């Protein structure tokens, strides 16, 4: 009798190729364990497919490299950068004061 090894999950299961489908014979595996095993196999295959796609997408991307090239804003003009940073951090700092003023003036 030839035995198949079912995969990477714990515990490791071995079952014969002629897996009995009739309920009259005693089977070492419940339908729940077989279903759990199949779900784990599908999960492993899906993870491998995602990993293959992610590595190929990274390899095929052609972005400019170097300092400041991977940022969502330009760092070429230092005065524009200063203005944008002052606006960004200043708005965050001013927000609580504006909310308090609004609550005080609200009737």
C-alpha atoms as a PDB file:
ATOM      1  CA  UNK A   1       0.000   0.000   0.000  1.00  0.00           C
ATOM      2  CA  UNK A   2       1.366   3.411  -0.967  1.00  0.00           C
ATOM      3  CA  UNK A   3       1.143   6.183   1.652  1.00  0.00           C
ATOM      4  CA  UNK A   4       0.834   9.900   1.028  1.00  0.00           C
ATOM      5  CA  UNK A   5       2.268  12.519   3.335  1.00  0.00           C
ATOM      6  CA  UNK A   6      -0.117  15.422   3.915  1.00  0.00           C
ATOM      7  CA  UNK A   7       1.940  18.498   4.411  1.00  0.00           C
ATOM      8  CA  UNK A   8       3.335  21.041   6.726  1.00  0.00           C
ATOM      9  CA  UNK A   9       0.791  21.365   9.510  1.00  0.00           C
ATOM     10  CA  UNK A  10       1.086  19.841  12.956  1.00  0.00           C
ATOM     11  CA  UNK A  11       0.378  17.020  13.645  1.00  0.00           C
ATOM     12  CA  UNK A  12       1.625  15.277  10.502  1.00  0.00           C
ATOM     13  CA  UNK A  13      -0.966  12.964   8.962  1.00  0.00           C
ATOM     14  CA  UNK A  14      -0.334   9.915   6.823  1.00  0.00           C
ATOM     15  CA  UNK A  15      -3.133   8.236   4.937  1.00  0.00           C
ATOM     16  CA  UNK A  16      -3.303   5.670   2.154  1.00  0.00           C
ATOM     17  CA  UNK A  17      -4.005   6.658  -1.439  1.00  0.00           C
ATOM     18  CA  UNK A  18      -7.169   4.596  -1.320  1.00  0.00           C
ATOM     19  CA  UNK A  19      -8.754   6.835   1.310  1.00  0.00           C
ATOM     20  CA  UNK A  20     -12.011   5.199   2.448  1.00  0.00           C
ATOM     21  CA  UNK A  21     -15.058   7.316   1.734  1.00  0.00           C
ATOM     22  CA  UNK A  22     -17.690   5.003   3.164  1.00  0.00           C
ATOM     23  CA  UNK A  23     -18.764   5.535   6.779  1.00  0.00           C
ATOM     24  CA  UNK A  24     -18.938   1.831   7.641  1.00  0.00           C
ATOM     25  CA  UNK A  25     -15.153   1.518   8.043  1.00  0.00           C
ATOM     26  CA  UNK A  26     -13.388   3.147  10.944  1.00  0.00           C
ATOM     27  CA  UNK A  27     -11.298   6.067   9.747  1.00  0.00           C
ATOM     28  CA  UNK A  28      -8.563   7.710  11.782  1.00  0.00           C
ATOM     29  CA  UNK A  29      -9.559  11.149  10.503  1.00  0.00           C
ATOM     30  CA  UNK A  30     -12.761  13.015  11.138  1.00  0.00           C
ATOM     31  CA  UNK A  31     -14.252  15.159   8.410  1.00  0.00           C
ATOM     32  CA  UNK A  32     -13.363  18.212  10.519  1.00  0.00           C
ATOM     33  CA  UNK A  33      -9.647  17.339  10.553  1.00  0.00           C
ATOM     34  CA  UNK A  34      -9.631  16.711   6.801  1.00  0.00           C
ATOM     35  CA  UNK A  35     -11.424  20.028   6.215  1.00  0.00           C
ATOM     36  CA  UNK A  36      -8.997  21.819   8.537  1.00  0.00           C
ATOM     37  CA  UNK A  37      -6.096  20.299   6.627  1.00  0.00           C
ATOM     38  CA  UNK A  38      -7.482  21.369   3.255  1.00  0.00           C
ATOM     39  CA  UNK A  39      -8.040  24.909   4.550  1.00  0.00           C
ATOM     40  CA  UNK A  40      -4.435  25.013   5.791  1.00  0.00           C
ATOM     41  CA  UNK A  41      -3.207  23.809   2.388  1.00  0.00           C
ATOM     42  CA  UNK A  42      -5.205  26.524   0.621  1.00  0.00           C
ATOM     43  CA  UNK A  43      -3.858  29.115   3.064  1.00  0.00           C
ATOM     44  CA  UNK A  44      -0.275  28.006   2.418  1.00  0.00           C
ATOM     45  CA  UNK A  45      -0.786  28.110  -1.350  1.00  0.00           C
ATOM     46  CA  UNK A  46      -2.384  31.566  -1.138  1.00  0.00           C
ATOM     47  CA  UNK A  47       0.511  32.845   0.980  1.00  0.00           C
ATOM     48  CA  UNK A  48       3.021  31.504  -1.528  1.00  0.00           C
ATOM     49  CA  UNK A  49       1.155  33.151  -4.417  1.00  0.00           C
ATOM     50  CA  UNK A  50       1.071  36.491  -2.601  1.00  0.00           C
ATOM     51  CA  UNK A  51       4.795  36.229  -1.823  1.00  0.00           C
ATOM     52  CA  UNK A  52       5.609  35.433  -5.472  1.00  0.00           C
ATOM     53  CA  UNK A  53       3.520  38.371  -6.694  1.00  0.00           C
ATOM     54  CA  UNK A  54       5.002  40.792  -4.149  1.00  0.00           C
ATOM     55  CA  UNK A  55       8.589  39.909  -4.989  1.00  0.00           C
ATOM     56  CA  UNK A  56       7.964  40.131  -8.735  1.00  0.00           C
ATOM     57  CA  UNK A  57       6.164  43.483  -8.302  1.00  0.00           C
ATOM     58  CA  UNK A  58       9.096  44.865  -6.327  1.00  0.00           C
ATOM     59  CA  UNK A  59      11.587  43.609  -8.892  1.00  0.00           C
ATOM     60  CA  UNK A  60       9.642  45.047 -11.821  1.00  0.00           C
ATOM     61  CA  UNK A  61       9.168  48.514 -10.306  1.00  0.00           C
ATOM     62  CA  UNK A  62      11.435  51.267 -11.650  1.00  0.00           C
ATOM     63  CA  UNK A  63      11.435  54.169  -9.216  1.00  0.00           C
ATOM     64  CA  UNK A  64      14.160  56.769  -8.919  1.00  0.00           C
ATOM     65  CA  UNK A  65      16.616  56.058  -6.152  1.00  0.00           C
ATOM     66  CA  UNK A  66      18.494  58.358  -3.833  1.00  0.00           C
ATOM     67  CA  UNK A  67      17.889  60.601  -0.826  1.00  0.00           C
ATOM     68  CA  UNK A  68      14.486  62.281  -0.868  1.00  0.00           C
ATOM     69  CA  UNK A  69      13.216  60.431  -3.949  1.00  0.00           C
ATOM     70  CA  UNK A  70      10.876  58.113  -2.011  1.00  0.00           C
ATOM     71  CA  UNK A  71       9.039  60.934  -0.173  1.00  0.00           C
ATOM     72  CA  UNK A  72       5.544  62.181  -1.117  1.00  0.00           C
ATOM     73  CA  UNK A  73       6.851  65.783  -1.286  1.00  0.00           C
ATOM     74  CA  UNK A  74       9.805  67.521  -2.878  1.00  0.00           C
ATOM     75  CA  UNK A  75      12.882  68.427  -0.849  1.00  0.00           C
ATOM     76  CA  UNK A  76      14.624  70.246  -3.713  1.00  0.00           C
ATOM     77  CA  UNK A  77      13.515  73.775  -2.722  1.00  0.00           C
ATOM     78  CA  UNK A  78      14.329  74.379   0.950  1.00  0.00           C
ATOM     79  CA  UNK A  79      12.076  77.464   1.273  1.00  0.00           C
ATOM     80  CA  UNK A  80       9.046  75.651  -0.118  1.00  0.00           C
ATOM     81  CA  UNK A  81       9.826  72.734   2.191  1.00  0.00           C
ATOM     82  CA  UNK A  82      10.040  75.158   5.165  1.00  0.00           C
ATOM     83  CA  UNK A  83       6.656  76.682   4.269  1.00  0.00           C
ATOM     84  CA  UNK A  84       4.998  73.280   3.857  1.00  0.00           C
ATOM     85  CA  UNK A  85       6.413  71.998   7.158  1.00  0.00           C
ATOM     86  CA  UNK A  86       5.344  75.195   8.993  1.00  0.00           C
ATOM     87  CA  UNK A  87       1.837  74.847   7.532  1.00  0.00           C
ATOM     88  CA  UNK A  88       1.637  71.139   8.431  1.00  0.00           C
ATOM     89  CA  UNK A  89       2.956  71.380  11.998  1.00  0.00           C
ATOM     90  CA  UNK A  90       1.376  74.801  12.603  1.00  0.00           C
ATOM     91  CA  UNK A  91      -2.091  73.527  11.683  1.00  0.00           C
ATOM     92  CA  UNK A  92      -1.692  70.595  14.087  1.00  0.00           C
ATOM     93  CA  UNK A  93      -0.550  72.925  16.869  1.00  0.00           C
ATOM     94  CA  UNK A  94      -3.325  75.491  16.239  1.00  0.00           C
ATOM     95  CA  UNK A  95      -6.205  72.994  15.993  1.00  0.00           C
ATOM     96  CA  UNK A  96      -6.883  72.593  19.769  1.00  0.00           C
ATOM     97  CA  UNK A  97      -6.876  76.374  20.260  1.00  0.00           C
ATOM     98  CA  UNK A  98      -9.350  76.850  17.415  1.00  0.00           C
ATOM     99  CA  UNK A  99     -11.626  74.160  18.877  1.00  0.00           C
ATOM    100  CA  UNK A 100     -11.520  75.797  22.344  1.00  0.00           C
ATOM    101  CA  UNK A 101     -12.305  79.209  20.843  1.00  0.00           C
ATOM    102  CA  UNK A 102     -15.218  77.704  18.922  1.00  0.00           C
ATOM    103  CA  UNK A 103     -16.603  76.080  22.086  1.00  0.00           C
ATOM    104  CA  UNK A 104     -16.285  79.319  24.096  1.00  0.00           C
ATOM    105  CA  UNK A 105     -18.048  81.404  21.437  1.00  0.00           C
ATOM    106  CA  UNK A 106     -20.805  78.816  20.889  1.00  0.00           C
ATOM    107  CA  UNK A 107     -24.087  79.757  22.524  1.00  0.00           C
END
